């Protein structure tokens, strides 16, 4: 691994290249924070894919892309004299120190949960009006639900046992079935949302990240369905020409791969 000196040299090199690109490259000169925003989101998702695939080479590559964006935003901030990369680094350093009094102060904690509770309480003392202020509005709904539940649990608003959450999930499923029978689509949608919210809460108690779990299932389904498509081509058929019985045979084959 690289020494601390080599790591600092590499970062300094990146800052130098960023300055050169901003001054000389037509594309880089044109970019604004707003124009970079959607690209940053895309890079973050690509990093997430690499992590799920456990492809460490790609994780390294995607981290580099994301680091470039951080440096890019800081460079733009320095041009408007609002902030630079040192301000960004110092800000997060100060935040980490202030929110880890069990490391940099005299607070004692027994476990991870107490660390999380202290974190949320400290944020409120810093002027946050709600623990939910830190949940981005533009997060996908599944991720947002998970973060909401995690945040409120950090201040003690939580179930005590997984079984309690499971019972609540069963209750929500029964309410959903009732509304399905009545045929009120608005209420069906509302109850379906409650079921999903309860499922995400149950996942938290099982120490399962619901976003990761669902994405792994997506990838698994895609792999098996593509196997099915390839088998259809080998038979000279389209998927619509295959019977459900035929599909089931090859689906079971795909599950063994």
Protein backbone atom coordinates (compact mmCIF):
# COMPACT_ATOMS: atom_id res chain seq x y z
CA UNK A 1 0.00 0.00 0.00
CA UNK A 2 1.05 3.59 -0.54
CA UNK A 3 2.59 5.60 2.30
CA UNK A 4 0.84 8.66 3.74
CA UNK A 5 3.37 10.80 1.84
CA UNK A 6 2.53 9.07 -1.45
CA UNK A 7 -1.20 9.44 -0.77
CA UNK A 8 -0.80 13.19 -0.20
CA UNK A 9 1.29 13.50 -3.38
CA UNK A 10 -1.42 11.71 -5.37
CA UNK A 11 -4.09 14.05 -4.02
CA UNK A 12 -1.93 17.08 -4.76
CA UNK A 13 -1.48 15.78 -8.31
CA UNK A 14 -5.25 15.49 -8.69
CA UNK A 15 -5.71 19.08 -7.51
CA UNK A 16 -3.08 20.27 -10.02
CA UNK A 17 -4.72 18.39 -12.89
CA UNK A 18 -8.12 19.80 -11.91
CA UNK A 19 -6.71 23.33 -12.05
CA UNK A 20 -5.17 22.69 -15.47
CA UNK A 21 -8.37 21.19 -16.87
CA UNK A 22 -10.47 24.05 -15.54
CA UNK A 23 -8.16 26.55 -17.25
CA UNK A 24 -7.51 24.75 -20.54
CA UNK A 25 -10.24 22.20 -21.37
CA UNK A 26 -13.35 23.64 -23.12
CA UNK A 27 -15.65 21.04 -21.53
CA UNK A 28 -14.27 21.40 -18.01
CA UNK A 29 -14.31 25.21 -18.22
CA UNK A 30 -18.00 25.14 -19.09
CA UNK A 31 -19.19 23.00 -16.17
CA UNK A 32 -21.18 24.32 -13.22
CA UNK A 33 -22.34 22.64 -10.03
CA UNK A 34 -25.77 22.20 -11.59
CA UNK A 35 -24.41 20.62 -14.78
CA UNK A 36 -22.31 18.18 -12.72
CA UNK A 37 -25.14 17.20 -10.39
CA UNK A 38 -26.72 14.45 -12.50
CA UNK A 39 -23.30 13.07 -13.40
CA UNK A 40 -22.39 12.84 -9.72
CA UNK A 41 -25.59 10.93 -8.98
CA UNK A 42 -24.81 8.55 -11.86
CA UNK A 43 -21.26 7.98 -10.57
CA UNK A 44 -22.63 7.24 -7.09
CA UNK A 45 -24.94 4.57 -8.48
CA UNK A 46 -22.08 3.07 -10.48
CA UNK A 47 -20.04 2.86 -7.29
CA UNK A 48 -23.01 1.17 -5.61
CA UNK A 49 -23.17 -1.41 -8.42
CA UNK A 50 -19.46 -2.17 -8.09
CA UNK A 51 -19.81 -2.66 -4.33
CA UNK A 52 -22.76 -5.04 -4.77
CA UNK A 53 -20.80 -7.01 -7.38
CA UNK A 54 -17.81 -7.09 -4.99
CA UNK A 55 -15.67 -5.91 -7.92
CA UNK A 56 -12.88 -4.15 -6.05
CA UNK A 57 -11.13 -2.98 -9.21
CA UNK A 58 -14.31 -1.22 -10.26
CA UNK A 59 -14.83 0.10 -6.72
CA UNK A 60 -11.40 1.72 -6.99
CA UNK A 61 -12.22 3.18 -10.41
CA UNK A 62 -15.61 4.52 -9.35
CA UNK A 63 -14.17 6.03 -6.16
CA UNK A 64 -11.73 7.89 -8.38
CA UNK A 65 -14.58 9.23 -10.51
CA UNK A 66 -16.45 10.35 -7.41
CA UNK A 67 -13.34 11.93 -5.91
CA UNK A 68 -12.88 13.90 -9.13
CA UNK A 69 -16.40 15.30 -8.72
CA UNK A 70 -15.68 16.36 -5.13
CA UNK A 71 -12.52 18.14 -6.25
CA UNK A 72 -14.43 19.67 -9.18
CA UNK A 73 -17.13 21.14 -6.92
CA UNK A 74 -14.47 22.49 -4.56
CA UNK A 75 -12.63 24.10 -7.48
CA UNK A 76 -15.80 25.83 -8.63
CA UNK A 77 -16.41 26.95 -5.04
CA UNK A 78 -12.93 28.45 -4.86
CA UNK A 79 -13.55 30.43 -8.07
CA UNK A 80 -16.58 32.09 -6.48
CA UNK A 81 -14.58 32.51 -3.25
CA UNK A 82 -17.21 30.58 -1.27
CA UNK A 83 -15.04 27.60 -0.25
CA UNK A 84 -12.16 25.42 -1.41
CA UNK A 85 -11.05 21.83 -0.88
CA UNK A 86 -9.33 22.73 2.43
CA UNK A 87 -12.60 24.17 3.73
CA UNK A 88 -14.42 21.00 2.68
CA UNK A 89 -11.88 18.75 4.43
CA UNK A 90 -11.69 20.89 7.57
CA UNK A 91 -15.48 21.07 7.82
CA UNK A 92 -15.88 17.29 7.82
CA UNK A 93 -12.94 16.92 10.24
CA UNK A 94 -14.58 19.30 12.72
CA UNK A 95 -17.91 17.52 12.34
CA UNK A 96 -16.35 14.10 12.95
CA UNK A 97 -14.51 15.32 16.05
CA UNK A 98 -17.58 17.04 17.53
CA UNK A 99 -19.86 14.06 16.85
CA UNK A 100 -17.45 11.50 18.32
CA UNK A 101 -17.14 12.69 21.93
CA UNK A 102 -16.53 9.06 22.93
CA UNK A 103 -13.25 9.29 20.98
CA UNK A 104 -12.27 12.96 21.30
CA UNK A 105 -14.01 13.74 24.59
CA UNK A 106 -15.03 12.14 27.88
CA UNK A 107 -18.30 10.47 26.82
CA UNK A 108 -18.59 6.70 27.35
CA UNK A 109 -20.62 4.48 25.05
CA UNK A 110 -21.42 0.80 25.39
CA UNK A 111 -22.17 -0.10 21.78
CA UNK A 112 -22.94 1.02 18.23
CA UNK A 113 -26.54 1.93 19.06
CA UNK A 114 -25.46 4.43 21.71
CA UNK A 115 -23.06 5.99 19.19
CA UNK A 116 -25.95 6.47 16.75
CA UNK A 117 -28.20 7.95 19.44
CA UNK A 118 -25.47 10.39 20.50
CA UNK A 119 -24.95 11.36 16.84
CA UNK A 120 -28.60 12.31 16.36
CA UNK A 121 -28.82 14.14 19.71
CA UNK A 122 -25.69 16.14 18.87
CA UNK A 123 -27.19 17.17 15.53
CA UNK A 124 -30.24 18.55 17.33
CA UNK A 125 -27.97 20.52 19.67
CA UNK A 126 -26.23 21.96 16.59
CA UNK A 127 -29.49 23.65 15.60
CA UNK A 128 -31.34 20.99 13.60
CA UNK A 129 -35.08 21.36 14.18
CA UNK A 130 -35.78 17.72 13.37
CA UNK A 131 -33.76 14.53 13.14
CA UNK A 132 -35.38 14.05 9.75
CA UNK A 133 -33.76 17.17 8.28
CA UNK A 134 -30.79 15.06 7.21
CA UNK A 135 -32.91 12.87 4.91
CA UNK A 136 -32.59 14.19 1.32
CA UNK A 137 -35.95 14.87 -0.34
CA UNK A 138 -34.79 13.42 -3.66
CA UNK A 139 -33.80 10.01 -2.27
CA UNK A 140 -35.60 7.03 -3.87
CA UNK A 141 -38.59 6.11 -1.72
CA UNK A 142 -37.20 2.76 -0.50
CA UNK A 143 -33.88 4.28 0.56
CA UNK A 144 -35.68 7.25 2.11
CA UNK A 145 -37.94 5.00 4.20
CA UNK A 146 -34.90 3.15 5.51
CA UNK A 147 -33.12 6.39 6.42
CA UNK A 148 -36.25 7.81 8.09
CA UNK A 149 -36.59 4.74 10.29
CA UNK A 150 -32.90 4.73 11.09
CA UNK A 151 -33.00 8.40 12.05
CA UNK A 152 -36.00 8.17 14.40
CA UNK A 153 -34.60 5.01 15.98
CA UNK A 154 -31.51 7.05 16.81
CA UNK A 155 -33.57 9.15 19.24
CA UNK A 156 -35.42 6.21 20.77
CA UNK A 157 -38.57 6.08 18.62
CA UNK A 158 -38.42 2.38 17.84
CA UNK A 159 -39.75 -1.10 18.54
CA UNK A 160 -38.02 -3.20 21.18
CA UNK A 161 -38.04 -6.64 19.52
CA UNK A 162 -38.08 -7.94 15.91
CA UNK A 163 -41.19 -9.99 16.68
CA UNK A 164 -43.13 -6.79 17.41
CA UNK A 165 -42.21 -5.48 13.98
CA UNK A 166 -43.21 -8.77 12.36
CA UNK A 167 -46.62 -8.65 14.09
CA UNK A 168 -47.07 -5.09 12.81
CA UNK A 169 -46.18 -6.30 9.30
CA UNK A 170 -48.83 -9.03 9.49
CA UNK A 171 -51.36 -6.45 10.70
CA UNK A 172 -50.56 -4.20 7.72
CA UNK A 173 -50.89 -7.15 5.32
CA UNK A 174 -54.35 -7.93 6.71
CA UNK A 175 -55.38 -4.29 6.28
CA UNK A 176 -54.12 -4.40 2.69
CA UNK A 177 -56.12 -7.53 1.93
CA UNK A 178 -59.22 -5.91 3.40
CA UNK A 179 -58.87 -2.88 1.11
CA UNK A 180 -58.17 -5.12 -1.90
CA UNK A 181 -61.52 -6.81 -1.27
CA UNK A 182 -63.34 -3.48 -0.97
CA UNK A 183 -61.80 -2.33 -4.28
CA UNK A 184 -60.93 1.21 -3.20
CA UNK A 185 -57.75 1.80 -5.20
CA UNK A 186 -56.69 4.86 -3.22
CA UNK A 187 -56.87 2.93 0.05
CA UNK A 188 -55.16 -0.09 -1.55
CA UNK A 189 -52.22 2.11 -2.51
CA UNK A 190 -52.07 3.62 0.98
CA UNK A 191 -52.08 0.22 2.67
CA UNK A 192 -49.55 -1.15 0.19
CA UNK A 193 -47.26 1.72 1.17
CA UNK A 194 -47.73 0.80 4.84
CA UNK A 195 -46.77 -2.81 4.07
CA UNK A 196 -43.60 -1.74 2.29
CA UNK A 197 -42.71 0.65 5.12
CA UNK A 198 -43.19 -2.16 7.66
CA UNK A 199 -41.12 -4.56 5.53
CA UNK A 200 -38.27 -2.06 5.45
CA UNK A 201 -38.53 -1.62 9.21
CA UNK A 202 -38.42 -5.40 9.70
CA UNK A 203 -35.35 -5.59 7.47
CA UNK A 204 -33.61 -3.09 9.74
CA UNK A 205 -34.25 -5.33 12.75
CA UNK A 206 -32.88 -8.30 10.81
CA UNK A 207 -29.72 -6.27 10.03
CA UNK A 208 -30.57 -6.42 6.32
CA UNK A 209 -30.18 -3.41 4.03
CA UNK A 210 -33.45 -3.48 2.03
CA UNK A 211 -31.98 -1.60 -0.94
CA UNK A 212 -29.06 -4.02 -1.21
CA UNK A 213 -31.34 -7.02 -0.72
CA UNK A 214 -33.76 -5.90 -3.44
CA UNK A 215 -30.97 -5.03 -5.87
CA UNK A 216 -29.36 -8.45 -5.37
CA UNK A 217 -32.74 -10.01 -6.16
CA UNK A 218 -33.03 -7.79 -9.26
CA UNK A 219 -29.63 -8.96 -10.46
CA UNK A 220 -30.52 -12.59 -9.73
CA UNK A 221 -33.80 -12.30 -11.64
CA UNK A 222 -32.11 -10.61 -14.62
CA UNK A 223 -29.48 -13.37 -14.80
CA UNK A 224 -32.09 -16.12 -14.72
CA UNK A 225 -34.39 -14.40 -17.21
CA UNK A 226 -31.54 -13.92 -19.67
CA UNK A 227 -30.79 -17.63 -19.36
CA UNK A 228 -34.43 -18.26 -20.25
CA UNK A 229 -34.20 -15.93 -23.26
CA UNK A 230 -31.08 -17.69 -24.52
CA UNK A 231 -32.77 -21.08 -24.22
CA UNK A 232 -35.71 -19.78 -26.23
CA UNK A 233 -33.31 -18.68 -28.99
CA UNK A 234 -31.64 -22.09 -28.98
CA UNK A 235 -35.07 -23.64 -29.53
CA UNK A 236 -35.79 -21.18 -32.32
CA UNK A 237 -38.69 -19.70 -30.43
CA UNK A 238 -39.70 -16.34 -29.06
CA UNK A 239 -40.58 -16.10 -25.39
CA UNK A 240 -44.27 -15.74 -26.28
CA UNK A 241 -44.16 -19.03 -28.18
CA UNK A 242 -42.91 -20.96 -25.14
CA UNK A 243 -45.37 -22.58 -22.77
CA UNK A 244 -45.27 -21.80 -19.07
CA UNK A 245 -44.23 -25.42 -18.47
CA UNK A 246 -41.23 -24.99 -20.78
CA UNK A 247 -40.29 -21.72 -19.12
CA UNK A 248 -40.48 -23.35 -15.71
CA UNK A 249 -38.03 -26.08 -16.72
CA UNK A 250 -35.38 -23.63 -17.87
CA UNK A 251 -36.08 -21.30 -14.94
CA UNK A 252 -35.29 -24.17 -12.57
CA UNK A 253 -32.10 -24.81 -14.57
CA UNK A 254 -31.12 -21.17 -14.21
CA UNK A 255 -31.59 -21.38 -10.43
CA UNK A 256 -28.91 -24.08 -10.29
CA UNK A 257 -26.27 -21.84 -11.95
